[in-house]
């Protein structure tokens, strides 16, 4: 995970729970996506959208979200079977 990715998440939510949030996002996407590339891209897009939404909201943390660095996520799994990419989130398993 790049520093830009974790800092964007920390800027949007604060540093207290950033690692747990990142793990939860990756786990959710692993359950729905059919490739590791799709998982990584989806997580980066979620963080990017969250960061932008906080900035656009004008809330207290918005001042921390005026910009972000490049965001990269590499995912490596060991003995983990990916979800069937043909299913949509509403179809379930």
PDB file of N, CA and C in Angstrom:
ATOM      1  N   UNK A   1       0.856  -1.157   0.000  1.00  0.00           N
ATOM      2  CA  UNK A   1       0.000   0.000   0.000  1.00  0.00           C
ATOM      3  C   UNK A   1       0.905   1.223   0.000  1.00  0.00           C
ATOM      4  N   UNK A   2       0.580   2.175  -0.844  1.00  0.00           N
ATOM      5  CA  UNK A   2       1.400   3.377  -0.909  1.00  0.00           C
ATOM      6  C   UNK A   2       1.075   4.313   0.250  1.00  0.00           C
ATOM      7  N   UNK A   3       2.026   5.159   0.540  1.00  0.00           N
ATOM      8  CA  UNK A   3       1.817   6.151   1.593  1.00  0.00           C
ATOM      9  C   UNK A   3       0.659   7.077   1.222  1.00  0.00           C
ATOM     10  N   UNK A   4       0.529   7.377  -0.068  1.00  0.00           N
ATOM     11  CA  UNK A   4      -0.561   8.238  -0.522  1.00  0.00           C
ATOM     12  C   UNK A   4      -1.932   7.657  -0.228  1.00  0.00           C
ATOM     13  N   UNK A   5      -2.066   6.340  -0.349  1.00  0.00           N
ATOM     14  CA  UNK A   5      -3.351   5.690  -0.100  1.00  0.00           C
ATOM     15  C   UNK A   5      -3.725   5.748   1.374  1.00  0.00           C
ATOM     16  N   UNK A   6      -2.803   5.384   2.241  1.00  0.00           N
ATOM     17  CA  UNK A   6      -3.120   5.384   3.671  1.00  0.00           C
ATOM     18  C   UNK A   6      -3.303   6.807   4.178  1.00  0.00           C
ATOM     19  N   UNK A   7      -2.530   7.754   3.669  1.00  0.00           N
ATOM     20  CA  UNK A   7      -2.681   9.145   4.104  1.00  0.00           C
ATOM     21  C   UNK A   7      -4.015   9.731   3.647  1.00  0.00           C
ATOM     22  N   UNK A   8      -4.488   9.351   2.471  1.00  0.00           N
ATOM     23  CA  UNK A   8      -5.795   9.816   2.003  1.00  0.00           C
ATOM     24  C   UNK A   8      -6.904   9.298   2.911  1.00  0.00           C
ATOM     25  N   UNK A   9      -6.805   8.034   3.310  1.00  0.00           N
ATOM     26  CA  UNK A   9      -7.801   7.466   4.218  1.00  0.00           C
ATOM     27  C   UNK A   9      -7.712   8.116   5.593  1.00  0.00           C
ATOM     28  N   UNK A  10      -6.507   8.318   6.083  1.00  0.00           N
ATOM     29  CA  UNK A  10      -6.323   8.988   7.375  1.00  0.00           C
ATOM     30  C   UNK A  10      -6.852  10.419   7.331  1.00  0.00           C
ATOM     31  N   UNK A  11      -6.655  11.111   6.229  1.00  0.00           N
ATOM     32  CA  UNK A  11      -7.140  12.483   6.098  1.00  0.00           C
ATOM     33  C   UNK A  11      -8.657  12.538   6.164  1.00  0.00           C
ATOM     34  N   UNK A  12      -9.299  11.557   5.562  1.00  0.00           N
ATOM     35  CA  UNK A  12     -10.760  11.539   5.517  1.00  0.00           C
ATOM     36  C   UNK A  12     -11.387  11.113   6.837  1.00  0.00           C
ATOM     37  N   UNK A  13     -10.770  10.159   7.528  1.00  0.00           N
ATOM     38  CA  UNK A  13     -11.381   9.589   8.734  1.00  0.00           C
ATOM     39  C   UNK A  13     -10.587   9.790  10.005  1.00  0.00           C
ATOM     40  N   UNK A  14      -9.374  10.258   9.897  1.00  0.00           N
ATOM     41  CA  UNK A  14      -8.508  10.313  11.063  1.00  0.00           C
ATOM     42  C   UNK A  14      -7.661   9.061  11.111  1.00  0.00           C
ATOM     43  N   UNK A  15      -6.508   9.137  11.761  1.00  0.00           N
ATOM     44  CA  UNK A  15      -5.560   8.022  11.731  1.00  0.00           C
ATOM     45  C   UNK A  15      -5.906   6.846  12.639  1.00  0.00           C
ATOM     46  N   UNK A  16      -6.871   7.006  13.523  1.00  0.00           N
ATOM     47  CA  UNK A  16      -7.134   5.994  14.545  1.00  0.00           C
ATOM     48  C   UNK A  16      -7.512   4.634  13.976  1.00  0.00           C
ATOM     49  N   UNK A  17      -8.364   4.606  12.982  1.00  0.00           N
ATOM     50  CA  UNK A  17      -8.895   3.338  12.474  1.00  0.00           C
ATOM     51  C   UNK A  17      -8.535   3.076  11.020  1.00  0.00           C
ATOM     52  N   UNK A  18      -7.553   3.758  10.475  1.00  0.00           N
ATOM     53  CA  UNK A  18      -7.258   3.652   9.043  1.00  0.00           C
ATOM     54  C   UNK A  18      -6.886   2.230   8.629  1.00  0.00           C
ATOM     55  N   UNK A  19      -6.053   1.562   9.393  1.00  0.00           N
ATOM     56  CA  UNK A  19      -5.657   0.198   9.022  1.00  0.00           C
ATOM     57  C   UNK A  19      -6.844  -0.758   9.051  1.00  0.00           C
ATOM     58  N   UNK A  20      -7.677  -0.654  10.082  1.00  0.00           N
ATOM     59  CA  UNK A  20      -8.850  -1.527  10.172  1.00  0.00           C
ATOM     60  C   UNK A  20      -9.814  -1.255   9.019  1.00  0.00           C
ATOM     61  N   UNK A  21      -9.988   0.015   8.673  1.00  0.00           N
ATOM     62  CA  UNK A  21     -10.874   0.354   7.562  1.00  0.00           C
ATOM     63  C   UNK A  21     -10.337  -0.199   6.251  1.00  0.00           C
ATOM     64  N   UNK A  22      -9.028  -0.102   6.059  1.00  0.00           N
ATOM     65  CA  UNK A  22      -8.425  -0.616   4.832  1.00  0.00           C
ATOM     66  C   UNK A  22      -8.633  -2.125   4.738  1.00  0.00           C
ATOM     67  N   UNK A  23      -8.415  -2.837   5.823  1.00  0.00           N
ATOM     68  CA  UNK A  23      -8.615  -4.291   5.834  1.00  0.00           C
ATOM     69  C   UNK A  23     -10.072  -4.628   5.535  1.00  0.00           C
ATOM     70  N   UNK A  24     -10.997  -3.891   6.110  1.00  0.00           N
ATOM     71  CA  UNK A  24     -12.418  -4.147   5.869  1.00  0.00           C
ATOM     72  C   UNK A  24     -12.776  -3.911   4.400  1.00  0.00           C
ATOM     73  N   UNK A  25     -12.234  -2.861   3.804  1.00  0.00           N
ATOM     74  CA  UNK A  25     -12.506  -2.589   2.388  1.00  0.00           C
ATOM     75  C   UNK A  25     -11.951  -3.698   1.501  1.00  0.00           C
ATOM     76  N   UNK A  26     -10.725  -4.118   1.774  1.00  0.00           N
ATOM     77  CA  UNK A  26     -10.114  -5.189   0.979  1.00  0.00           C
ATOM     78  C   UNK A  26     -10.922  -6.478   1.133  1.00  0.00           C
ATOM     79  N   UNK A  27     -11.311  -6.814   2.348  1.00  0.00           N
ATOM     80  CA  UNK A  27     -12.096  -8.035   2.579  1.00  0.00           C
ATOM     81  C   UNK A  27     -13.421  -7.981   1.829  1.00  0.00           C
ATOM     82  N   UNK A  28     -14.091  -6.840   1.868  1.00  0.00           N
ATOM     83  CA  UNK A  28     -15.369  -6.699   1.172  1.00  0.00           C
ATOM     84  C   UNK A  28     -15.190  -6.864  -0.334  1.00  0.00           C
ATOM     85  N   UNK A  29     -14.148  -6.277  -0.880  1.00  0.00           N
ATOM     86  CA  UNK A  29     -13.915  -6.379  -2.322  1.00  0.00           C
ATOM     87  C   UNK A  29     -13.445  -7.775  -2.727  1.00  0.00           C
ATOM     88  N   UNK A  30     -12.664  -8.440  -1.878  1.00  0.00           N
ATOM     89  CA  UNK A  30     -12.252  -9.819  -2.173  1.00  0.00           C
ATOM     90  C   UNK A  30     -13.470 -10.729  -2.297  1.00  0.00           C
ATOM     91  N   UNK A  31     -14.499 -10.450  -1.521  1.00  0.00           N
ATOM     92  CA  UNK A  31     -15.715 -11.263  -1.551  1.00  0.00           C
ATOM     93  C   UNK A  31     -16.539 -11.014  -2.813  1.00  0.00           C
ATOM     94  N   UNK A  32     -16.273  -9.894  -3.504  1.00  0.00           N
ATOM     95  CA  UNK A  32     -17.123  -9.554  -4.641  1.00  0.00           C
ATOM     96  C   UNK A  32     -16.415  -9.552  -5.991  1.00  0.00           C
ATOM     97  N   UNK A  33     -15.137  -9.320  -6.013  1.00  0.00           N
ATOM     98  CA  UNK A  33     -14.417  -9.184  -7.279  1.00  0.00           C
ATOM     99  C   UNK A  33     -13.827 -10.517  -7.725  1.00  0.00           C
ATOM    100  N   UNK A  34     -13.572 -10.632  -9.009  1.00  0.00           N
ATOM    101  CA  UNK A  34     -13.042 -11.866  -9.563  1.00  0.00           C
ATOM    102  C   UNK A  34     -11.549 -11.873  -9.815  1.00  0.00           C
ATOM    103  N   UNK A  35     -10.883 -10.742  -9.592  1.00  0.00           N
ATOM    104  CA  UNK A  35      -9.433 -10.700  -9.784  1.00  0.00           C
ATOM    105  C   UNK A  35      -8.808  -9.773  -8.748  1.00  0.00           C
ATOM    106  N   UNK A  36      -7.540 -10.016  -8.452  1.00  0.00           N
ATOM    107  CA  UNK A  36      -6.844  -9.165  -7.485  1.00  0.00           C
ATOM    108  C   UNK A  36      -6.702  -7.745  -8.013  1.00  0.00           C
ATOM    109  N   UNK A  37      -6.528  -7.614  -9.324  1.00  0.00           N
ATOM    110  CA  UNK A  37      -6.444  -6.284  -9.928  1.00  0.00           C
ATOM    111  C   UNK A  37      -7.740  -5.506  -9.695  1.00  0.00           C
ATOM    112  N   UNK A  38      -8.874  -6.169  -9.873  1.00  0.00           N
ATOM    113  CA  UNK A  38     -10.169  -5.520  -9.653  1.00  0.00           C
ATOM    114  C   UNK A  38     -10.355  -5.147  -8.187  1.00  0.00           C
ATOM    115  N   UNK A  39      -9.894  -6.000  -7.284  1.00  0.00           N
ATOM    116  CA  UNK A  39      -9.980  -5.706  -5.848  1.00  0.00           C
ATOM    117  C   UNK A  39      -9.179  -4.451  -5.532  1.00  0.00           C
ATOM    118  N   UNK A  40      -7.931  -4.422  -5.977  1.00  0.00           N
ATOM    119  CA  UNK A  40      -7.068  -3.278  -5.694  1.00  0.00           C
ATOM    120  C   UNK A  40      -7.646  -1.997  -6.280  1.00  0.00           C
ATOM    121  N   UNK A  41      -8.109  -2.055  -7.521  1.00  0.00           N
ATOM    122  CA  UNK A  41      -8.671  -0.867  -8.161  1.00  0.00           C
ATOM    123  C   UNK A  41      -9.924  -0.391  -7.435  1.00  0.00           C
ATOM    124  N   UNK A  42     -10.770  -1.305  -7.021  1.00  0.00           N
ATOM    125  CA  UNK A  42     -11.996  -0.934  -6.310  1.00  0.00           C
ATOM    126  C   UNK A  42     -11.696  -0.273  -4.972  1.00  0.00           C
ATOM    127  N   UNK A  43     -10.714  -0.790  -4.253  1.00  0.00           N
ATOM    128  CA  UNK A  43     -10.354  -0.200  -2.962  1.00  0.00           C
ATOM    129  C   UNK A  43      -9.786   1.196  -3.161  1.00  0.00           C
ATOM    130  N   UNK A  44      -8.910   1.365  -4.138  1.00  0.00           N
ATOM    131  CA  UNK A  44      -8.353   2.694  -4.410  1.00  0.00           C
ATOM    132  C   UNK A  44      -9.471   3.662  -4.787  1.00  0.00           C
ATOM    133  N   UNK A  45     -10.410   3.220  -5.612  1.00  0.00           N
ATOM    134  CA  UNK A  45     -11.535   4.080  -6.000  1.00  0.00           C
ATOM    135  C   UNK A  45     -12.398   4.440  -4.793  1.00  0.00           C
ATOM    136  N   UNK A  46     -12.612   3.491  -3.889  1.00  0.00           N
ATOM    137  CA  UNK A  46     -13.404   3.777  -2.686  1.00  0.00           C
ATOM    138  C   UNK A  46     -12.724   4.827  -1.819  1.00  0.00           C
ATOM    139  N   UNK A  47     -11.408   4.701  -1.632  1.00  0.00           N
ATOM    140  CA  UNK A  47     -10.674   5.675  -0.818  1.00  0.00           C
ATOM    141  C   UNK A  47     -10.688   7.037  -1.504  1.00  0.00           C
ATOM    142  N   UNK A  48     -10.488   7.043  -2.808  1.00  0.00           N
ATOM    143  CA  UNK A  48     -10.507   8.299  -3.568  1.00  0.00           C
ATOM    144  C   UNK A  48     -11.862   8.997  -3.437  1.00  0.00           C
ATOM    145  N   UNK A  49     -12.941   8.232  -3.582  1.00  0.00           N
ATOM    146  CA  UNK A  49     -14.291   8.790  -3.477  1.00  0.00           C
ATOM    147  C   UNK A  49     -14.566   9.299  -2.062  1.00  0.00           C
ATOM    148  N   UNK A  50     -14.157   8.536  -1.062  1.00  0.00           N
ATOM    149  CA  UNK A  50     -14.332   8.940   0.332  1.00  0.00           C
ATOM    150  C   UNK A  50     -13.581  10.240   0.617  1.00  0.00           C
ATOM    151  N   UNK A  51     -12.340  10.303   0.163  1.00  0.00           N
ATOM    152  CA  UNK A  51     -11.504  11.493   0.346  1.00  0.00           C
ATOM    153  C   UNK A  51     -12.169  12.705  -0.300  1.00  0.00           C
ATOM    154  N   UNK A  52     -12.652  12.535  -1.523  1.00  0.00           N
ATOM    155  CA  UNK A  52     -13.314  13.637  -2.228  1.00  0.00           C
ATOM    156  C   UNK A  52     -14.608  14.047  -1.537  1.00  0.00           C
ATOM    157  N   UNK A  53     -15.400  13.075  -1.104  1.00  0.00           N
ATOM    158  CA  UNK A  53     -16.670  13.382  -0.442  1.00  0.00           C
ATOM    159  C   UNK A  53     -16.463  14.178   0.838  1.00  0.00           C
ATOM    160  N   UNK A  54     -15.441  13.827   1.609  1.00  0.00           N
ATOM    161  CA  UNK A  54     -15.150  14.578   2.835  1.00  0.00           C
ATOM    162  C   UNK A  54     -14.735  15.998   2.477  1.00  0.00           C
ATOM    163  N   UNK A  55     -13.896  16.149   1.457  1.00  0.00           N
ATOM    164  CA  UNK A  55     -13.466  17.482   1.027  1.00  0.00           C
ATOM    165  C   UNK A  55     -14.668  18.320   0.582  1.00  0.00           C
ATOM    166  N   UNK A  56     -15.546  17.728  -0.229  1.00  0.00           N
ATOM    167  CA  UNK A  56     -16.694  18.454  -0.768  1.00  0.00           C
ATOM    168  C   UNK A  56     -17.742  18.767   0.292  1.00  0.00           C
ATOM    169  N   UNK A  57     -17.758  18.007   1.373  1.00  0.00           N
ATOM    170  CA  UNK A  57     -18.786  18.189   2.401  1.00  0.00           C
ATOM    171  C   UNK A  57     -18.586  19.449   3.226  1.00  0.00           C
ATOM    172  N   UNK A  58     -17.349  19.909   3.317  1.00  0.00           N
ATOM    173  CA  UNK A  58     -17.067  21.075   4.148  1.00  0.00           C
ATOM    174  C   UNK A  58     -17.048  20.765   5.632  1.00  0.00           C
ATOM    175  N   UNK A  59     -17.107  19.475   5.982  1.00  0.00           N
ATOM    176  CA  UNK A  59     -17.090  19.098   7.396  1.00  0.00           C
ATOM    177  C   UNK A  59     -15.739  19.413   8.017  1.00  0.00           C
ATOM    178  N   UNK A  60     -15.627  19.121   9.280  1.00  0.00           N
ATOM    179  CA  UNK A  60     -14.434  19.444  10.055  1.00  0.00           C
ATOM    180  C   UNK A  60     -13.156  18.902   9.416  1.00  0.00           C
ATOM    181  N   UNK A  61     -13.162  17.705   8.904  1.00  0.00           N
ATOM    182  CA  UNK A  61     -11.955  17.100   8.327  1.00  0.00           C
ATOM    183  C   UNK A  61     -11.700  17.550   6.893  1.00  0.00           C
ATOM    184  N   UNK A  62     -12.580  18.352   6.311  1.00  0.00           N
ATOM    185  CA  UNK A  62     -12.431  18.766   4.916  1.00  0.00           C
ATOM    186  C   UNK A  62     -11.112  19.486   4.661  1.00  0.00           C
ATOM    187  N   UNK A  63     -10.642  20.238   5.623  1.00  0.00           N
ATOM    188  CA  UNK A  63      -9.385  20.968   5.430  1.00  0.00           C
ATOM    189  C   UNK A  63      -8.193  20.023   5.290  1.00  0.00           C
ATOM    190  N   UNK A  64      -8.327  18.798   5.772  1.00  0.00           N
ATOM    191  CA  UNK A  64      -7.254  17.806   5.648  1.00  0.00           C
ATOM    192  C   UNK A  64      -7.275  17.118   4.280  1.00  0.00           C
ATOM    193  N   UNK A  65      -8.324  17.366   3.508  1.00  0.00           N
ATOM    194  CA  UNK A  65      -8.524  16.631   2.256  1.00  0.00           C
ATOM    195  C   UNK A  65      -8.424  17.513   1.015  1.00  0.00           C
ATOM    196  N   UNK A  66      -7.654  18.576   1.085  1.00  0.00           N
ATOM    197  CA  UNK A  66      -7.558  19.472  -0.064  1.00  0.00           C
ATOM    198  C   UNK A  66      -6.779  18.851  -1.221  1.00  0.00           C
ATOM    199  N   UNK A  67      -5.935  17.877  -0.941  1.00  0.00           N
ATOM    200  CA  UNK A  67      -5.180  17.187  -1.990  1.00  0.00           C
ATOM    201  C   UNK A  67      -4.771  15.804  -1.491  1.00  0.00           C
ATOM    202  N   UNK A  68      -4.345  14.970  -2.431  1.00  0.00           N
ATOM    203  CA  UNK A  68      -3.807  13.660  -2.058  1.00  0.00           C
ATOM    204  C   UNK A  68      -2.692  13.283  -3.018  1.00  0.00           C
ATOM    205  N   UNK A  69      -1.826  12.410  -2.565  1.00  0.00           N
ATOM    206  CA  UNK A  69      -0.719  11.904  -3.378  1.00  0.00           C
ATOM    207  C   UNK A  69      -1.218  10.731  -4.224  1.00  0.00           C
ATOM    208  N   UNK A  70      -0.357  10.230  -5.088  1.00  0.00           N
ATOM    209  CA  UNK A  70      -0.694   9.040  -5.869  1.00  0.00           C
ATOM    210  C   UNK A  70      -1.032   7.890  -4.925  1.00  0.00           C
ATOM    211  N   UNK A  71      -2.044   7.109  -5.309  1.00  0.00           N
ATOM    212  CA  UNK A  71      -2.492   6.006  -4.471  1.00  0.00           C
ATOM    213  C   UNK A  71      -2.304   4.681  -5.208  1.00  0.00           C
ATOM    214  N   UNK A  72      -1.652   3.744  -4.550  1.00  0.00           N
ATOM    215  CA  UNK A  72      -1.380   2.430  -5.130  1.00  0.00           C
ATOM    216  C   UNK A  72      -1.649   1.354  -4.088  1.00  0.00           C
ATOM    217  N   UNK A  73      -2.245   0.253  -4.536  1.00  0.00           N
ATOM    218  CA  UNK A  73      -2.471  -0.879  -3.649  1.00  0.00           C
ATOM    219  C   UNK A  73      -2.123  -2.158  -4.399  1.00  0.00           C
ATOM    220  N   UNK A  74      -1.230  -2.922  -3.841  1.00  0.00           N
ATOM    221  CA  UNK A  74      -0.896  -4.246  -4.363  1.00  0.00           C
ATOM    222  C   UNK A  74      -1.439  -5.271  -3.383  1.00  0.00           C
ATOM    223  N   UNK A  75      -2.100  -6.289  -3.914  1.00  0.00           N
ATOM    224  CA  UNK A  75      -2.693  -7.308  -3.049  1.00  0.00           C
ATOM    225  C   UNK A  75      -2.088  -8.656  -3.394  1.00  0.00           C
ATOM    226  N   UNK A  76      -1.714  -9.362  -2.374  1.00  0.00           N
ATOM    227  CA  UNK A  76      -1.174 -10.711  -2.533  1.00  0.00           C
ATOM    228  C   UNK A  76      -1.952 -11.618  -1.593  1.00  0.00           C
ATOM    229  N   UNK A  77      -2.425 -12.724  -2.108  1.00  0.00           N
ATOM    230  CA  UNK A  77      -3.157 -13.669  -1.269  1.00  0.00           C
ATOM    231  C   UNK A  77      -2.419 -14.998  -1.246  1.00  0.00           C
ATOM    232  N   UNK A  78      -2.609 -15.722  -0.194  1.00  0.00           N
ATOM    233  CA  UNK A  78      -2.052 -17.060  -0.054  1.00  0.00           C
ATOM    234  C   UNK A  78      -3.204 -18.024   0.191  1.00  0.00           C
ATOM    235  N   UNK A  79      -3.412 -18.924  -0.746  1.00  0.00           N
ATOM    236  CA  UNK A  79      -4.466 -19.934  -0.624  1.00  0.00           C
ATOM    237  C   UNK A  79      -5.841 -19.325  -0.380  1.00  0.00           C
ATOM    238  N   UNK A  80      -6.181 -18.294  -1.120  1.00  0.00           N
ATOM    239  CA  UNK A  80      -7.487 -17.653  -1.007  1.00  0.00           C
ATOM    240  C   UNK A  80      -8.176 -17.749  -2.360  1.00  0.00           C
ATOM    241  N   UNK A  81      -9.385 -18.266  -2.372  1.00  0.00           N
ATOM    242  CA  UNK A  81     -10.150 -18.381  -3.600  1.00  0.00           C
ATOM    243  C   UNK A  81     -10.985 -17.128  -3.782  1.00  0.00           C
ATOM    244  N   UNK A  82     -10.837 -16.506  -4.937  1.00  0.00           N
ATOM    245  CA  UNK A  82     -11.599 -15.293  -5.217  1.00  0.00           C
ATOM    246  C   UNK A  82     -13.046 -15.627  -5.519  1.00  0.00           C
ATOM    247  N   UNK A  83     -13.893 -14.632  -5.360  1.00  0.00           N
ATOM    248  CA  UNK A  83     -15.317 -14.785  -5.639  1.00  0.00           C
ATOM    249  C   UNK A  83     -15.524 -15.016  -7.130  1.00  0.00           C
ATOM    250  N   UNK A  84     -16.691 -15.523  -7.470  1.00  0.00           N
ATOM    251  CA  UNK A  84     -17.071 -15.684  -8.870  1.00  0.00           C
ATOM    252  C   UNK A  84     -17.374 -14.306  -9.427  1.00  0.00           C
ATOM    253  N   UNK A  85     -16.571 -13.836 -10.348  1.00  0.00           N
ATOM    254  CA  UNK A  85     -16.732 -12.503 -10.910  1.00  0.00           C
ATOM    255  C   UNK A  85     -18.016 -12.328 -11.694  1.00  0.00           C
ATOM    256  N   UNK A  86     -18.695 -13.429 -12.046  1.00  0.00           N
ATOM    257  CA  UNK A  86     -19.933 -13.334 -12.804  1.00  0.00           C
ATOM    258  C   UNK A  86     -21.099 -12.880 -11.934  1.00  0.00           C
ATOM    259  N   UNK A  87     -20.980 -13.024 -10.625  1.00  0.00           N
ATOM    260  CA  UNK A  87     -22.058 -12.619  -9.730  1.00  0.00           C
ATOM    261  C   UNK A  87     -21.937 -11.142  -9.399  1.00  0.00           C
ATOM    262  N   UNK A  88     -23.059 -10.483  -9.298  1.00  0.00           N
ATOM    263  CA  UNK A  88     -23.064  -9.087  -8.874  1.00  0.00           C
ATOM    264  C   UNK A  88     -23.299  -9.048  -7.373  1.00  0.00           C
ATOM    265  N   UNK A  89     -23.023  -7.914  -6.724  1.00  0.00           N
ATOM    266  CA  UNK A  89     -23.233  -7.835  -5.272  1.00  0.00           C
ATOM    267  C   UNK A  89     -24.667  -8.133  -4.850  1.00  0.00           C
ATOM    268  N   UNK A  90     -25.650  -7.844  -5.722  1.00  0.00           N
ATOM    269  CA  UNK A  90     -27.041  -8.091  -5.352  1.00  0.00           C
ATOM    270  C   UNK A  90     -27.454  -9.540  -5.576  1.00  0.00           C
ATOM    271  N   UNK A  91     -26.696 -10.280  -6.377  1.00  0.00           N
ATOM    272  CA  UNK A  91     -27.032 -11.679  -6.628  1.00  0.00           C
ATOM    273  C   UNK A  91     -26.587 -12.593  -5.503  1.00  0.00           C
ATOM    274  N   UNK A  92     -25.566 -12.185  -4.788  1.00  0.00           N
ATOM    275  CA  UNK A  92     -25.068 -13.029  -3.707  1.00  0.00           C
ATOM    276  C   UNK A  92     -24.343 -14.242  -4.234  1.00  0.00           C
ATOM    277  N   UNK A  93     -24.230 -15.232  -3.377  1.00  0.00           N
ATOM    278  CA  UNK A  93     -23.525 -16.454  -3.756  1.00  0.00           C
ATOM    279  C   UNK A  93     -24.466 -17.612  -3.818  1.00  0.00           C
TER     280      UNK A  93
END
